[in-house]
């Protein structure tokens, strides 16, 4: 029997599609050293030490080995989040600064990018009543998608979650390190499953990677440390309504005459990422669309998607206390993920015009009584986010830790970096920005620029059919007058289809001078 086990392991290890993880031999030595030299119980005779080491080897291989992407379906692991611009001339609503945004369609399972830049994992860690399983990665030299599952060990629903009460989850900390370095970077994770399986959830890390001195992370060893699973104290009160994508069909597409730019807010996060949102006032349309069984008196007066943000003019009609609307969110009704919170907005005292602006209030008044409100939901990015999206109250309060512990993954970024590099560009735009180097992949872009510009906006990819994909996931660092700018796209875009990049509204055409 022992010979059969040895034979099977040799056959398993000899397959060309199997890649032995980095550090496998060292882990095997640690396993052997950790096993006792002599067994004091009778069962040791039935399960010899050699068999224990062999079994451990099989388990290590099974739990940590990346599998080539074409053997399994990455789309299933990532819950079909990957979209691509359609090659047909059909256009979606205008969401880019200059031109139409292309219609989107799902990326097929055998798409060349997924098979080259993806790996399927199965690395499982158990602690504190939960199992964490790394399932798949897709990346390039500067960015990464990682899908991982979280399950309760007893198969019961997550604490505090029922079919009637959808909870939002938050991790206490997620920290990434490369090649064992002490320094790393923090990131977040969003839930992407539909919430249909009690006690199980799939989370996505979508992150721009910034490790000093590393031009491409492909092939490097990544360690991810996760601490504590927390849940919101306030239950989400999800509105019983059609999704916002369906409701938007009741309203005409707006033109610049239908809204007024009033101002902007700009904030900087702890990681230095700047975020800017323009504030608009949307005209009232007098629609009075009743849309919600939860609050049947409430009406939508007007609705529009402008520059990546959703604007709603609501008639309350006594349905809710106006103060409660400060906790209004846009959520995914399938899994409870909060897609956007109620942002800022300044409103008009005169309900039919933009006269009499009052920056101290957030609602519409008539004869001193608040009858409606104008809300702005920031950072949605594209109208596609409105599918399965509904309004909800609550869910934005404090969080409590329900599973206290730590979980760690470590694996090689075993995929092909499909980026193309445009070196020594030295292209000076009319706005004074000098682009020295550009790196493009199907999921991200990195620019090295000389400029005194403090902020970046109106960024887009221009495709070969003239359509544009607006970019809003923007990060940049400045040092000695040189800016390193990075962004991840909202879709998978073949680099051959990108004919220009829009930088602060200025178009930079691409030539064929590039390196792989």
Protein backbone atom coordinates (compact mmCIF):
# COMPACT_ATOMS: atom_id res chain seq x y z
CA UNK A 1 0.00 0.00 0.00
CA UNK A 2 2.90 2.35 0.81
CA UNK A 3 4.32 1.82 -2.69
CA UNK A 4 0.96 2.75 -4.18
CA UNK A 5 0.90 6.00 -2.21
CA UNK A 6 4.44 6.84 -3.35
CA UNK A 7 3.49 6.11 -6.94
CA UNK A 8 0.41 8.31 -6.84
CA UNK A 9 2.33 11.22 -5.35
CA UNK A 10 5.03 10.93 -8.01
CA UNK A 11 2.40 10.83 -10.74
CA UNK A 12 0.65 13.84 -9.22
CA UNK A 13 3.88 15.85 -8.98
CA UNK A 14 4.96 14.98 -12.52
CA UNK A 15 1.98 16.56 -14.26
CA UNK A 16 3.04 19.50 -16.37
CA UNK A 17 0.10 21.63 -15.23
CA UNK A 18 1.14 21.39 -11.58
CA UNK A 19 3.36 24.13 -10.24
CA UNK A 20 5.06 23.37 -6.93
CA UNK A 21 4.54 26.42 -4.73
CA UNK A 22 7.52 28.49 -3.74
CA UNK A 23 8.86 27.38 -0.36
CA UNK A 24 7.21 23.95 -0.56
CA UNK A 25 10.40 22.07 0.38
CA UNK A 26 10.99 24.33 3.38
CA UNK A 27 7.41 23.80 4.57
CA UNK A 28 7.87 20.04 4.29
CA UNK A 29 10.98 20.22 6.46
CA UNK A 30 9.04 22.19 9.07
CA UNK A 31 6.27 19.59 8.99
CA UNK A 32 8.76 16.77 9.54
CA UNK A 33 10.48 18.62 12.37
CA UNK A 34 7.16 19.34 14.07
CA UNK A 35 6.13 15.67 14.13
CA UNK A 36 7.12 13.71 17.28
CA UNK A 37 9.99 11.25 16.90
CA UNK A 38 8.09 8.46 18.59
CA UNK A 39 4.39 7.80 18.93
CA UNK A 40 3.28 6.80 22.40
CA UNK A 41 -0.14 5.58 21.34
CA UNK A 42 -1.05 2.32 19.63
CA UNK A 43 -2.49 4.11 16.59
CA UNK A 44 1.04 5.05 15.57
CA UNK A 45 1.61 1.51 14.33
CA UNK A 46 -1.35 1.81 11.99
CA UNK A 47 -0.31 5.24 10.72
CA UNK A 48 3.48 5.33 10.35
CA UNK A 49 5.50 8.53 10.43
CA UNK A 50 6.36 8.27 6.72
CA UNK A 51 2.69 8.13 5.83
CA UNK A 52 2.06 11.22 7.95
CA UNK A 53 4.69 13.18 6.05
CA UNK A 54 3.36 11.95 2.69
CA UNK A 55 -0.20 12.89 3.65
CA UNK A 56 1.00 16.30 4.79
CA UNK A 57 2.72 16.77 1.43
CA UNK A 58 -0.50 15.98 -0.41
CA UNK A 59 -2.45 18.39 1.80
CA UNK A 60 0.06 21.20 1.31
CA UNK A 61 -0.03 20.72 -2.45
CA UNK A 62 -3.82 20.56 -2.55
CA UNK A 63 -4.30 23.63 -0.39
CA UNK A 64 -1.72 26.01 -1.85
CA UNK A 65 -1.09 25.11 -5.46
CA UNK A 66 -2.13 27.53 -8.21
CA UNK A 67 -3.92 25.80 -11.08
CA UNK A 68 -3.70 27.13 -14.62
CA UNK A 69 -6.74 29.24 -15.34
CA UNK A 70 -8.00 27.26 -18.33
CA UNK A 71 -8.64 24.19 -16.15
CA UNK A 72 -11.43 25.91 -14.19
CA UNK A 73 -13.75 28.84 -14.67
CA UNK A 74 -12.47 32.05 -13.10
CA UNK A 75 -15.77 33.74 -13.92
CA UNK A 76 -17.55 31.38 -11.53
CA UNK A 77 -15.05 32.07 -8.77
CA UNK A 78 -15.32 35.84 -9.24
CA UNK A 79 -19.14 35.70 -9.51
CA UNK A 80 -19.09 37.02 -13.09
CA UNK A 81 -17.87 40.49 -12.12
CA UNK A 82 -15.63 40.87 -15.17
CA UNK A 83 -17.15 42.92 -17.98
CA UNK A 84 -15.70 44.17 -21.25
CA UNK A 85 -16.70 46.86 -23.77
CA UNK A 86 -18.80 45.48 -26.58
CA UNK A 87 -17.29 45.60 -30.05
CA UNK A 88 -20.70 46.42 -31.51
CA UNK A 89 -21.50 50.10 -32.18
CA UNK A 90 -24.38 50.12 -29.66
CA UNK A 91 -23.74 52.74 -26.99
CA UNK A 92 -24.76 53.01 -23.36
CA UNK A 93 -25.89 56.34 -21.81
CA UNK A 94 -23.31 59.11 -21.83
CA UNK A 95 -21.15 58.79 -18.74
CA UNK A 96 -17.72 59.85 -20.00
CA UNK A 97 -16.57 63.45 -20.09
CA UNK A 98 -16.07 63.55 -23.87
CA UNK A 99 -18.09 61.00 -25.80
CA UNK A 100 -20.27 58.00 -25.26
CA UNK A 101 -19.44 55.12 -22.97
CA UNK A 102 -19.47 51.73 -24.69
CA UNK A 103 -22.07 49.12 -23.88
CA UNK A 104 -20.68 46.39 -21.64
CA UNK A 105 -20.95 42.61 -21.89
CA UNK A 106 -19.64 39.73 -19.73
CA UNK A 107 -16.11 38.47 -20.29
CA UNK A 108 -16.24 34.91 -21.59
CA UNK A 109 -14.58 32.16 -19.53
CA UNK A 110 -11.96 31.43 -22.20
CA UNK A 111 -11.04 35.07 -22.74
CA UNK A 112 -7.26 35.23 -23.45
CA UNK A 113 -6.68 37.72 -20.65
CA UNK A 114 -8.23 35.50 -17.98
CA UNK A 115 -6.28 32.45 -19.13
CA UNK A 116 -3.00 34.38 -19.16
CA UNK A 117 -3.39 36.69 -16.19
CA UNK A 118 -5.38 34.43 -13.86
CA UNK A 119 -4.66 31.57 -11.50
CA UNK A 120 -7.04 29.44 -9.48
CA UNK A 121 -6.09 28.86 -5.86
CA UNK A 122 -7.29 26.64 -3.07
CA UNK A 123 -5.63 27.77 0.13
CA UNK A 124 -7.74 27.29 3.24
CA UNK A 125 -7.24 28.69 6.75
CA UNK A 126 -9.49 27.96 9.74
CA UNK A 127 -9.75 30.02 12.93
CA UNK A 128 -12.31 31.56 15.27
CA UNK A 129 -15.21 29.54 13.90
CA UNK A 130 -14.60 30.56 10.29
CA UNK A 131 -12.76 29.14 7.31
CA UNK A 132 -11.15 31.50 4.81
CA UNK A 133 -10.36 30.06 1.37
CA UNK A 134 -8.36 31.92 -1.27
CA UNK A 135 -9.99 30.94 -4.56
CA UNK A 136 -8.51 32.90 -7.44
CA UNK A 137 -6.33 35.78 -8.58
CA UNK A 138 -6.30 37.94 -11.70
CA UNK A 139 -3.67 40.62 -12.08
CA UNK A 140 -0.91 42.42 -13.90
CA UNK A 141 2.27 44.15 -12.82
CA UNK A 142 0.55 46.84 -10.76
CA UNK A 143 -2.90 45.62 -9.71
CA UNK A 144 -4.70 42.58 -8.37
CA UNK A 145 -8.12 40.98 -8.09
CA UNK A 146 -8.39 38.32 -5.36
CA UNK A 147 -11.53 36.32 -4.56
CA UNK A 148 -11.82 34.51 -1.24
CA UNK A 149 -14.63 32.65 0.49
CA UNK A 150 -15.59 32.96 4.16
CA UNK A 151 -17.68 30.19 5.72
CA UNK A 152 -18.86 29.29 9.20
CA UNK A 153 -17.33 26.01 10.35
CA UNK A 154 -20.64 24.74 11.73
CA UNK A 155 -22.60 25.62 8.59
CA UNK A 156 -24.85 28.03 10.49
CA UNK A 157 -25.68 31.57 9.28
CA UNK A 158 -23.30 34.34 10.23
CA UNK A 159 -24.03 35.77 13.66
CA UNK A 160 -26.86 38.29 13.56
CA UNK A 161 -27.80 37.59 9.93
CA UNK A 162 -31.18 36.24 8.86
CA UNK A 163 -33.16 36.27 5.64
CA UNK A 164 -35.06 39.30 6.93
CA UNK A 165 -31.99 41.17 8.16
CA UNK A 166 -29.09 41.60 5.77
CA UNK A 167 -25.90 42.68 7.49
CA UNK A 168 -22.95 44.51 6.06
CA UNK A 169 -19.56 42.99 6.84
CA UNK A 170 -16.31 44.81 7.47
CA UNK A 171 -12.88 43.38 8.17
CA UNK A 172 -10.91 44.88 11.01
CA UNK A 173 -7.76 44.93 8.90
CA UNK A 174 -6.40 43.56 5.63
CA UNK A 175 -2.65 43.96 5.14
CA UNK A 176 -0.58 42.91 2.13
CA UNK A 177 3.19 42.28 2.08
CA UNK A 178 5.46 41.30 -0.79
CA UNK A 179 8.34 38.81 -0.53
CA UNK A 180 8.38 38.89 3.26
CA UNK A 181 9.08 42.62 3.52
CA UNK A 182 8.10 44.26 6.79
CA UNK A 183 6.42 47.17 5.03
CA UNK A 184 3.23 46.69 3.04
CA UNK A 185 -0.11 48.29 2.30
CA UNK A 186 -3.64 48.12 3.65
CA UNK A 187 -6.70 47.42 1.54
CA UNK A 188 -10.39 46.60 1.82
CA UNK A 189 -12.71 43.89 0.52
CA UNK A 190 -16.27 43.94 -0.83
CA UNK A 191 -18.80 41.13 -0.78
CA UNK A 192 -19.69 39.90 -4.30
CA UNK A 193 -21.92 36.83 -3.79
CA UNK A 194 -25.72 37.01 -3.79
CA UNK A 195 -26.12 36.02 -0.15
CA UNK A 196 -28.19 32.97 -1.03
CA UNK A 197 -26.11 30.46 0.98
CA UNK A 198 -26.41 30.93 4.78
CA UNK A 199 -23.06 31.14 6.51
CA UNK A 200 -21.06 31.62 3.31
CA UNK A 201 -19.85 34.74 1.54
CA UNK A 202 -17.40 35.57 -1.24
CA UNK A 203 -15.29 38.71 -0.97
CA UNK A 204 -13.28 40.60 -3.55
CA UNK A 205 -10.05 42.50 -3.06
CA UNK A 206 -9.52 44.89 -5.98
CA UNK A 207 -6.37 46.82 -5.32
CA UNK A 208 -3.71 48.92 -6.99
CA UNK A 209 -0.38 47.60 -5.73
CA UNK A 210 2.35 50.04 -4.76
CA UNK A 211 5.49 48.36 -3.45
CA UNK A 212 8.62 50.50 -3.56
CA UNK A 213 11.28 49.29 -5.97
CA UNK A 214 9.01 46.74 -7.66
CA UNK A 215 8.12 47.45 -11.29
CA UNK A 216 5.94 44.34 -11.67
CA UNK A 217 4.54 42.19 -8.87
CA UNK A 218 3.95 39.19 -11.17
CA UNK A 219 5.96 36.21 -9.95
CA UNK A 220 6.50 37.64 -6.48
CA UNK A 221 5.27 36.08 -3.23
CA UNK A 222 2.27 37.83 -1.66
CA UNK A 223 1.17 37.52 1.96
CA UNK A 224 -2.27 38.73 3.02
CA UNK A 225 -3.13 39.05 6.71
CA UNK A 226 -6.79 39.51 7.69
CA UNK A 227 -8.04 40.37 11.16
CA UNK A 228 -11.54 40.21 12.64
CA UNK A 229 -14.86 40.00 10.85
CA UNK A 230 -17.17 42.78 11.99
CA UNK A 231 -20.85 43.38 11.36
CA UNK A 232 -22.88 46.59 11.39
CA UNK A 233 -24.94 47.18 14.51
CA UNK A 234 -27.74 48.80 12.53
CA UNK A 235 -29.78 46.51 10.33
CA UNK A 236 -30.38 47.71 6.82
CA UNK A 237 -34.02 48.54 6.18
CA UNK A 238 -34.09 47.70 2.49
CA UNK A 239 -36.89 49.31 0.45
CA UNK A 240 -39.32 46.94 -1.26
CA UNK A 241 -39.03 48.38 -4.76
CA UNK A 242 -37.90 47.78 -8.33
CA UNK A 243 -34.19 48.20 -8.79
CA UNK A 244 -32.95 51.66 -9.69
CA UNK A 245 -31.94 50.53 -13.18
CA UNK A 246 -35.57 49.72 -13.97
CA UNK A 247 -36.89 52.92 -12.40
CA UNK A 248 -34.45 55.05 -14.38
CA UNK A 249 -36.26 54.07 -17.59
CA UNK A 250 -39.18 56.26 -16.48
CA UNK A 251 -37.06 59.41 -16.81
CA UNK A 252 -35.60 61.15 -19.83
CA UNK A 253 -31.85 61.45 -20.24
CA UNK A 254 -30.77 64.82 -18.86
CA UNK A 255 -28.91 67.57 -20.69
CA UNK A 256 -26.75 70.30 -19.12
CA UNK A 257 -29.82 72.55 -19.16
CA UNK A 258 -31.49 70.22 -16.65
CA UNK A 259 -28.96 70.66 -13.87
CA UNK A 260 -26.69 73.28 -12.40
CA UNK A 261 -23.12 72.84 -11.20
CA UNK A 262 -23.00 74.40 -7.78
CA UNK A 263 -19.67 73.39 -6.27
CA UNK A 264 -17.40 70.50 -5.41
CA UNK A 265 -15.99 68.60 -2.49
CA UNK A 266 -12.50 67.14 -2.35
CA UNK A 267 -11.14 64.85 0.32
CA UNK A 268 -7.93 62.93 0.87
CA UNK A 269 -7.95 59.49 2.44
CA UNK A 270 -5.35 58.12 4.87
CA UNK A 271 -3.42 56.59 1.95
CA UNK A 272 -3.14 59.94 0.17
CA UNK A 273 -5.75 59.17 -2.47
CA UNK A 274 -7.69 62.29 -3.44
CA UNK A 275 -11.38 62.09 -4.22
CA UNK A 276 -13.34 64.93 -5.82
CA UNK A 277 -17.09 65.12 -6.37
CA UNK A 278 -18.92 67.89 -8.18
CA UNK A 279 -22.21 68.97 -6.64
CA UNK A 280 -25.15 69.45 -9.01
CA UNK A 281 -28.71 70.62 -8.56
CA UNK A 282 -31.19 68.62 -10.62
CA UNK A 283 -34.33 70.31 -11.92
CA UNK A 284 -37.65 69.11 -10.60
CA UNK A 285 -39.63 67.24 -13.27
CA UNK A 286 -43.04 66.90 -11.56
CA UNK A 287 -43.06 63.15 -12.23
CA UNK A 288 -44.50 62.00 -8.86
CA UNK A 289 -43.55 58.36 -9.47
CA UNK A 290 -44.62 56.12 -6.59
CA UNK A 291 -41.99 53.40 -6.39
CA UNK A 292 -41.86 51.77 -2.97
CA UNK A 293 -44.20 49.44 -1.08
CA UNK A 294 -42.26 50.11 2.13
CA UNK A 295 -43.15 53.81 1.95
CA UNK A 296 -46.09 54.03 -0.49
CA UNK A 297 -46.48 57.80 -0.06
CA UNK A 298 -42.93 58.58 -1.19
CA UNK A 299 -42.40 59.67 -4.81
CA UNK A 300 -39.50 60.21 -7.18
CA UNK A 301 -39.80 63.61 -8.83
CA UNK A 302 -36.68 63.34 -11.00
CA UNK A 303 -33.73 61.00 -11.41
CA UNK A 304 -30.44 61.28 -13.30
CA UNK A 305 -26.95 59.83 -13.50
CA UNK A 306 -24.37 62.61 -13.83
CA UNK A 307 -20.57 62.19 -13.82
CA UNK A 308 -20.69 58.86 -12.04
CA UNK A 309 -23.11 59.96 -9.31
CA UNK A 310 -26.83 59.22 -8.91
CA UNK A 311 -29.17 62.16 -8.24
CA UNK A 312 -32.70 61.74 -6.89
CA UNK A 313 -35.33 64.38 -6.18
CA UNK A 314 -37.73 62.79 -3.68
CA UNK A 315 -41.17 63.90 -2.50
CA UNK A 316 -41.49 62.60 1.07
CA UNK A 317 -45.21 63.29 1.59
CA UNK A 318 -44.85 62.51 5.29
CA UNK A 319 -43.61 58.96 4.65
CA UNK A 320 -40.47 59.30 6.77
CA UNK A 321 -38.89 61.73 9.15
CA UNK A 322 -36.60 63.93 7.03
CA UNK A 323 -33.82 63.48 9.58
CA UNK A 324 -33.76 59.75 8.85
CA UNK A 325 -32.67 60.42 5.27
CA UNK A 326 -29.15 61.19 6.44
CA UNK A 327 -28.74 57.41 6.70
CA UNK A 328 -30.09 56.68 3.21
CA UNK A 329 -27.90 54.41 1.10
CA UNK A 330 -27.87 52.63 -2.23
CA UNK A 331 -27.41 48.90 -1.59
CA UNK A 332 -27.30 45.68 -3.55
CA UNK A 333 -30.56 43.97 -2.59
CA UNK A 334 -29.07 40.51 -3.11
CA UNK A 335 -26.18 40.69 -0.67
CA UNK A 336 -26.63 43.92 1.31
CA UNK A 337 -23.43 45.56 0.07
CA UNK A 338 -23.61 49.33 0.44
CA UNK A 339 -22.78 50.73 -3.00
CA UNK A 340 -23.01 54.40 -2.09
CA UNK A 341 -23.97 56.57 0.84
CA UNK A 342 -25.99 59.78 0.76
CA UNK A 343 -23.51 62.41 -0.37
CA UNK A 344 -23.54 66.17 -0.19
CA UNK A 345 -25.97 68.40 -2.06
CA UNK A 346 -27.17 71.99 -1.92
CA UNK A 347 -30.73 72.74 -2.80
CA UNK A 348 -33.01 75.45 -4.11
CA UNK A 349 -35.67 77.18 -2.07
CA UNK A 350 -37.58 77.85 -5.29
CA UNK A 351 -38.67 74.37 -6.34
CA UNK A 352 -38.98 75.13 -10.05
CA UNK A 353 -35.79 77.14 -10.64
CA UNK A 354 -32.30 77.41 -9.21
CA UNK A 355 -33.01 80.78 -7.63
CA UNK A 356 -32.64 81.34 -3.94
CA UNK A 357 -29.90 78.77 -3.29
CA UNK A 358 -29.55 77.97 0.37
CA UNK A 359 -26.35 76.15 1.28
CA UNK A 360 -27.50 75.45 4.82
CA UNK A 361 -30.28 73.01 3.98
CA UNK A 362 -30.50 69.70 2.17
CA UNK A 363 -34.17 69.62 1.28
CA UNK A 364 -36.97 71.42 -0.53
CA UNK A 365 -39.34 73.57 1.51
CA UNK A 366 -42.80 74.94 0.82
CA UNK A 367 -44.38 77.47 3.19
CA UNK A 368 -41.71 76.58 5.75
CA UNK A 369 -42.47 72.86 5.63
CA UNK A 370 -40.02 70.32 4.27
CA UNK A 371 -41.78 68.35 1.55
CA UNK A 372 -38.90 66.79 -0.31
CA UNK A 373 -35.20 66.28 -0.55
CA UNK A 374 -32.54 66.15 -3.23
CA UNK A 375 -29.96 63.46 -2.63
CA UNK A 376 -26.67 62.68 -4.33
CA UNK A 377 -25.20 59.18 -4.14
CA UNK A 378 -21.52 59.48 -4.91
CA UNK A 379 -18.97 57.21 -6.53
CA UNK A 380 -21.21 54.67 -8.26
CA UNK A 381 -19.17 55.07 -11.44
CA UNK A 382 -21.55 53.81 -14.11
CA UNK A 383 -25.29 53.15 -14.60
CA UNK A 384 -24.55 49.40 -14.68
CA UNK A 385 -24.17 49.61 -10.88
CA UNK A 386 -27.90 50.37 -10.60
CA UNK A 387 -28.86 46.80 -11.53
CA UNK A 388 -30.12 45.06 -8.35
CA UNK A 389 -29.53 48.37 -6.53
CA UNK A 390 -32.25 49.73 -4.24
CA UNK A 391 -32.59 52.35 -1.53
CA UNK A 392 -32.16 51.51 2.14
CA UNK A 393 -32.04 53.22 5.50
CA UNK A 394 -29.49 52.45 8.20
CA UNK A 395 -26.50 50.19 7.99
CA UNK A 396 -24.05 53.03 8.39
CA UNK A 397 -23.65 53.03 12.17
CA UNK A 398 -21.01 51.46 14.33
CA UNK A 399 -19.63 47.98 13.82
CA UNK A 400 -19.05 45.22 16.34
CA UNK A 401 -16.63 42.33 16.08
CA UNK A 402 -18.46 39.02 15.93
CA UNK A 403 -15.54 36.82 14.86
CA UNK A 404 -12.27 37.83 16.49
CA UNK A 405 -9.19 36.23 15.03
CA UNK A 406 -6.63 36.35 12.24
CA UNK A 407 -6.29 34.51 8.94
CA UNK A 408 -3.29 34.54 6.60
CA UNK A 409 -2.77 33.59 2.97
CA UNK A 410 0.59 33.37 1.24
CA UNK A 411 1.04 32.41 -2.39
CA UNK A 412 2.97 33.37 -5.52
CA UNK A 413 1.39 35.80 -7.96
CA UNK A 414 1.67 33.08 -10.56
CA UNK A 415 0.30 34.73 -13.68
CA UNK A 416 1.58 36.47 -16.80
CA UNK A 417 1.94 40.24 -16.72
CA UNK A 418 0.25 41.23 -19.99
CA UNK A 419 1.16 44.93 -19.70
CA UNK A 420 2.66 46.94 -22.54
CA UNK A 421 5.05 49.81 -21.78
CA UNK A 422 5.42 53.06 -23.73
CA UNK A 423 8.89 54.31 -22.79
CA UNK A 424 10.54 57.70 -23.35
CA UNK A 425 7.28 59.26 -24.49
CA UNK A 426 8.09 62.83 -23.40
CA UNK A 427 4.72 64.01 -24.69
CA UNK A 428 3.69 67.46 -23.46
CA UNK A 429 -0.05 68.12 -23.43
CA UNK A 430 -1.62 71.53 -23.91
CA UNK A 431 -2.44 71.62 -20.19
CA UNK A 432 1.31 71.47 -19.43
CA UNK A 433 1.43 67.86 -18.25
CA UNK A 434 4.45 65.99 -19.63
CA UNK A 435 3.93 62.23 -19.89
CA UNK A 436 7.27 60.42 -19.65
CA UNK A 437 6.18 56.79 -19.51
CA UNK A 438 2.94 54.83 -19.70
CA UNK A 439 2.14 51.23 -18.78
CA UNK A 440 -1.15 49.78 -20.02
CA UNK A 441 -2.72 46.41 -19.27
CA UNK A 442 -6.26 45.13 -19.81
CA UNK A 443 -7.16 46.15 -16.23
CA UNK A 444 -4.97 49.08 -15.22
CA UNK A 445 -2.78 51.99 -16.25
CA UNK A 446 0.33 53.57 -14.74
CA UNK A 447 1.66 56.98 -15.80
CA UNK A 448 4.89 58.78 -14.94
CA UNK A 449 4.39 62.52 -15.45
CA UNK A 450 6.14 65.82 -14.83
CA UNK A 451 3.57 68.36 -13.70
CA UNK A 452 2.64 70.85 -11.01
CA UNK A 453 -1.02 69.83 -11.23
CA UNK A 454 -2.45 69.03 -7.78
CA UNK A 455 -5.43 66.91 -8.79
CA UNK A 456 -6.53 64.66 -11.62
CA UNK A 457 -10.02 64.36 -13.04
CA UNK A 458 -11.73 63.92 -16.40
CA UNK A 459 -9.63 60.79 -17.01
CA UNK A 460 -10.69 58.23 -19.62
CA UNK A 461 -9.65 55.59 -22.13
CA UNK A 462 -10.60 56.25 -25.74
CA UNK A 463 -11.27 53.07 -27.72
CA UNK A 464 -10.86 52.31 -31.41
CA UNK A 465 -14.56 52.99 -32.07
CA UNK A 466 -14.43 56.46 -30.51
CA UNK A 467 -16.19 55.49 -27.28
CA UNK A 468 -14.69 56.44 -23.94
CA UNK A 469 -14.47 54.65 -20.61
CA UNK A 470 -14.38 57.08 -17.69
CA UNK A 471 -11.79 56.33 -14.99
CA UNK A 472 -12.64 57.16 -11.39
CA UNK A 473 -10.45 54.81 -9.31
CA UNK A 474 -7.50 57.22 -9.24
CA UNK A 475 -4.35 57.23 -7.10
CA UNK A 476 -1.20 59.30 -7.37
CA UNK A 477 1.95 60.22 -5.49
CA UNK A 478 4.22 63.21 -6.07
CA UNK A 479 7.96 63.46 -5.51
CA UNK A 480 10.31 66.18 -6.76
CA UNK A 481 7.87 67.35 -9.42
CA UNK A 482 7.25 63.84 -10.78
CA UNK A 483 3.83 62.24 -10.38
CA UNK A 484 3.30 58.47 -10.39
CA UNK A 485 -0.35 57.97 -11.32
CA UNK A 486 -2.20 54.62 -11.17
CA UNK A 487 -5.76 53.56 -11.92
CA UNK A 488 -7.77 50.38 -12.34
CA UNK A 489 -10.40 50.27 -15.07
CA UNK A 490 -14.08 49.46 -14.45
CA UNK A 491 -13.85 46.79 -17.18
CA UNK A 492 -11.40 44.47 -18.94
CA UNK A 493 -10.10 46.36 -21.99
CA UNK A 494 -7.85 44.82 -24.64
CA UNK A 495 -4.80 47.06 -24.96
CA UNK A 496 -5.03 46.87 -28.75
CA UNK A 497 -8.36 48.69 -28.59
CA UNK A 498 -6.99 51.69 -26.67
CA UNK A 499 -6.12 54.43 -29.16
CA UNK A 500 -5.81 57.35 -26.74
CA UNK A 501 -5.76 58.29 -23.07
CA UNK A 502 -7.57 61.37 -21.75
CA UNK A 503 -5.64 63.15 -18.97
CA UNK A 504 -7.41 66.04 -17.25
CA UNK A 505 -9.52 66.46 -20.36
CA UNK A 506 -6.60 66.45 -22.81
CA UNK A 507 -6.29 63.64 -25.35
CA UNK A 508 -2.99 61.76 -25.70
CA UNK A 509 -2.94 59.60 -28.83
CA UNK A 510 -0.97 56.35 -28.64
CA UNK A 511 1.59 55.27 -31.20
CA UNK A 512 3.02 51.83 -31.87
CA UNK A 513 6.24 52.57 -29.95
CA UNK A 514 5.91 50.19 -27.05
CA UNK A 515 7.70 47.34 -25.32
CA UNK A 516 6.20 44.20 -23.84
